[in-house]
Amino acid sequence: MQFGSPAGTAPFALSVLAGGGTGVGTTAAEGLAATASLARTADQHGYHRFWMSEHHAMGATSHMNNP
């Protein structure tokens, strides 16, 4: 992510929160590709940060954490 002055018309820095979910009928690889695409798009549009929520032992998320 690029840091600096807020871009656009917002008087404050905006961030994106992604859950990393795969959705019904979507593979983990497709979910991760979609999340990476969202991160690139957020960066291109000047968002301040890209956050990933952390979920444990949930099959519907496309990222894993140790139990």
Foldseek 3Di string as FASTA:
>chain_A
DDDDDADDDDPDAAEAEDAQFQDPPGDLVRSVVVLVVVVVVCVVRRHHYYHYDDDAPDPRHSDYDDD
